[in-house]
Amino acid sequence: MNPCLVVIPCALALACTHPAPAAPPPQIGNRPGPLTTVDASAGLRDGALWTCQIDDYDPQPCRLARRGDGWFISKLLGSQRFRGAIAFTPDGARLSGEYFCPWGDCTMPIDVAFTRDGDRYQAVGDGGDLAPPTISLRYDADDDAAFGGAGYGGLTGDER
């Protein structure tokens, strides 16, 4: 018997068999995932306005915003400001970004750890890398509704 006559039908039989279709991937719901250990009642939502205070200056509004998989906070008003990525934990938070003055030359990197005390987060500097010595962050639902926007000069684009 001609070997080609045996090989060709075998090759055709193998070519005609199809593997079973793979199961479709699970559907992804259109719901946000779990926030973190800090819950939404603590103001952890995109666009929330927090109160930020540097040293003993008057408290000013800060905007918390979602950036990719993390959070970003920006102090919106005042002559001394900060902005950067912020990560929350059950015991505090860590801010890594920049400290700056919209009208002057005080820009410098900032990387500070905050301790949590109830609804307040506080970072106390050592007088070295962190100037000013104290930064406080606090979420209050009443304050979130009170601030009408950035009207105190030197707009940076973080207001939106």
Protein backbone atom coordinates (compact mmCIF):
# COMPACT_ATOMS: atom_id res chain seq x y z
CA MET A 1 0.00 0.00 0.00
CA ASN A 2 1.21 3.47 -0.80
CA PRO A 3 2.33 5.23 2.46
CA CYS A 4 0.87 8.54 1.23
CA LEU A 5 -2.60 7.00 1.16
CA VAL A 6 -2.30 6.20 4.89
CA VAL A 7 -0.72 9.52 6.00
CA ILE A 8 -3.12 11.83 4.13
CA PRO A 9 -6.37 10.52 5.73
CA CYS A 10 -4.72 10.66 9.18
CA ALA A 11 -3.59 14.25 8.62
CA LEU A 12 -7.07 15.22 7.43
CA ALA A 13 -8.68 13.60 10.46
CA LEU A 14 -6.38 15.54 12.83
CA ALA A 15 -6.95 18.81 10.98
CA CYS A 16 -10.72 18.49 11.25
CA THR A 17 -10.85 17.97 15.02
CA HIS A 18 -11.40 21.15 17.02
CA PRO A 19 -10.68 21.62 20.69
CA ALA A 20 -13.66 22.37 22.91
CA PRO A 21 -14.26 26.13 23.22
CA ALA A 22 -12.82 27.75 26.31
CA ALA A 23 -15.22 29.01 28.93
CA PRO A 24 -15.86 32.75 28.61
CA PRO A 25 -14.09 34.95 31.15
CA PRO A 26 -16.19 36.11 34.11
CA GLN A 27 -17.98 39.41 33.63
CA ILE A 28 -16.60 42.41 35.42
CA GLY A 29 -19.26 44.34 37.29
CA ASN A 30 -19.56 48.09 37.05
CA ARG A 31 -19.13 48.56 40.78
CA PRO A 32 -16.19 50.05 42.66
CA GLY A 33 -14.05 47.63 44.56
CA PRO A 34 -13.46 47.88 48.27
CA LEU A 35 -11.89 51.19 49.20
CA THR A 36 -9.19 50.38 51.73
CA THR A 37 -9.16 50.03 55.46
CA VAL A 38 -10.35 53.65 55.63
CA ASP A 39 -13.99 53.73 54.65
CA ALA A 40 -16.13 56.22 52.73
CA SER A 41 -17.55 57.67 55.96
CA ALA A 42 -14.08 59.11 56.51
CA GLY A 43 -14.36 61.10 53.28
CA LEU A 44 -12.47 58.69 51.09
CA ARG A 45 -14.30 59.46 47.87
CA ASP A 46 -13.24 61.10 44.63
CA GLY A 47 -13.62 64.88 44.84
CA ALA A 48 -14.17 65.09 48.60
CA LEU A 49 -13.07 68.31 50.25
CA TRP A 50 -11.01 67.92 53.38
CA THR A 51 -9.65 70.54 55.76
CA CYS A 52 -5.88 70.98 55.71
CA GLN A 53 -3.94 73.05 58.20
CA ILE A 54 -0.28 74.00 58.19
CA ASP A 55 1.09 74.95 61.59
CA ASP A 56 -1.26 77.40 63.31
CA TYR A 57 -2.52 79.02 60.09
CA ASP A 58 -6.25 78.94 59.40
CA PRO A 59 -7.53 75.64 58.03
CA GLN A 60 -7.95 75.60 54.25
CA PRO A 61 -9.76 73.25 51.88
CA CYS A 62 -7.95 70.32 50.27
CA ARG A 63 -9.33 68.16 47.49
CA LEU A 64 -8.96 64.40 47.58
CA ALA A 65 -9.04 62.81 44.12
CA ARG A 66 -8.69 59.35 42.61
CA ARG A 67 -5.59 58.99 40.42
CA GLY A 68 -5.32 55.55 38.87
CA ASP A 69 -5.29 53.01 41.69
CA GLY A 70 -4.39 55.55 44.37
CA TRP A 71 -5.37 58.84 45.96
CA PHE A 72 -4.04 62.37 45.44
CA ILE A 73 -4.55 65.31 47.81
CA SER A 74 -4.07 69.02 47.05
CA LYS A 75 -4.23 71.96 49.44
CA LEU A 76 -6.19 74.45 47.34
CA LEU A 77 -5.80 77.80 49.07
CA GLY A 78 -3.24 79.82 50.99
CA SER A 79 0.27 81.07 50.45
CA GLN A 80 1.80 77.70 51.41
CA ARG A 81 0.43 74.56 49.80
CA PHE A 82 1.17 70.90 49.19
CA ARG A 83 0.01 68.20 46.81
CA GLY A 84 0.87 64.60 46.19
CA ALA A 85 -0.02 60.95 46.38
CA ILE A 86 -1.52 59.89 49.69
CA ALA A 87 -1.94 56.33 50.95
CA PHE A 88 -4.22 55.58 53.90
CA THR A 89 -3.78 52.85 56.51
CA PRO A 90 -5.84 52.05 59.62
CA ASP A 91 -3.32 53.95 61.76
CA GLY A 92 -2.46 56.89 59.52
CA ALA A 93 -1.43 57.98 56.06
CA ARG A 94 1.66 58.80 54.02
CA LEU A 95 1.94 61.80 51.69
CA SER A 96 4.61 61.90 49.01
CA GLY A 97 4.64 64.94 46.75
CA GLU A 98 5.66 68.57 46.87
CA TYR A 99 5.35 71.54 49.18
CA PHE A 100 5.13 74.84 47.31
CA CYS A 101 4.20 78.52 47.38
CA PRO A 102 2.14 79.70 44.39
CA TRP A 103 3.80 83.14 44.43
CA GLY A 104 7.26 82.40 45.72
CA ASP A 105 10.20 80.08 45.71
CA CYS A 106 9.53 77.54 48.43
CA THR A 107 9.08 74.41 46.31
CA MET A 108 10.56 71.26 47.77
CA PRO A 109 9.77 67.55 47.87
CA ILE A 110 7.71 66.34 50.79
CA ASP A 111 7.38 62.81 52.15
CA VAL A 112 5.63 62.65 55.51
CA ALA A 113 3.86 60.07 57.65
CA PHE A 114 0.62 60.99 59.40
CA THR A 115 -0.74 59.40 62.54
CA ARG A 116 -4.49 59.02 62.83
CA ASP A 117 -6.42 60.29 65.82
CA GLY A 118 -10.15 59.82 65.23
CA ASP A 119 -11.04 61.89 62.17
CA ARG A 120 -7.73 63.81 62.14
CA TYR A 121 -4.41 62.89 60.52
CA GLN A 122 -1.36 64.74 61.79
CA ALA A 123 2.26 64.90 60.66
CA VAL A 124 4.80 66.56 62.90
CA GLY A 125 8.02 67.46 61.16
CA ASP A 126 11.46 67.35 62.65
CA GLY A 127 12.45 70.80 61.41
CA GLY A 128 14.62 69.19 58.73
CA ASP A 129 13.02 67.97 55.52
CA LEU A 130 9.52 69.05 56.52
CA ALA A 131 8.84 72.74 56.69
CA PRO A 132 6.43 73.69 58.22
CA PRO A 133 6.62 71.57 61.34
CA THR A 134 2.97 70.43 61.48
CA ILE A 135 0.38 69.46 58.87
CA SER A 136 -3.11 68.31 59.82
CA LEU A 137 -5.76 66.74 57.59
CA ARG A 138 -9.36 66.22 58.60
CA TYR A 139 -12.53 65.18 56.83
CA ASP A 140 -15.78 66.75 58.01
CA ALA A 141 -18.93 66.29 55.90
CA ASP A 142 -20.07 69.84 56.86
CA ASP A 143 -16.79 71.32 55.62
CA ASP A 144 -17.05 69.27 52.42
CA ALA A 145 -20.27 71.15 51.60
CA ALA A 146 -19.07 74.57 52.86
CA PHE A 147 -16.19 75.48 50.54
CA GLY A 148 -17.38 77.04 47.31
CA GLY A 149 -14.15 76.78 45.34
CA ALA A 150 -10.71 78.18 44.96
CA GLY A 151 -11.01 81.95 44.98
CA TYR A 152 -7.86 82.94 46.80
CA GLY A 153 -5.38 83.64 43.98
CA GLY A 154 -2.63 81.49 42.56
CA LEU A 155 -4.84 78.80 41.04
CA THR A 156 -2.86 75.66 40.22
CA GLY A 157 -5.32 73.45 38.35
CA ASP A 158 -5.78 71.15 41.33
CA GLU A 159 -9.13 72.84 42.00
CA ARG A 160 -11.00 70.80 39.39
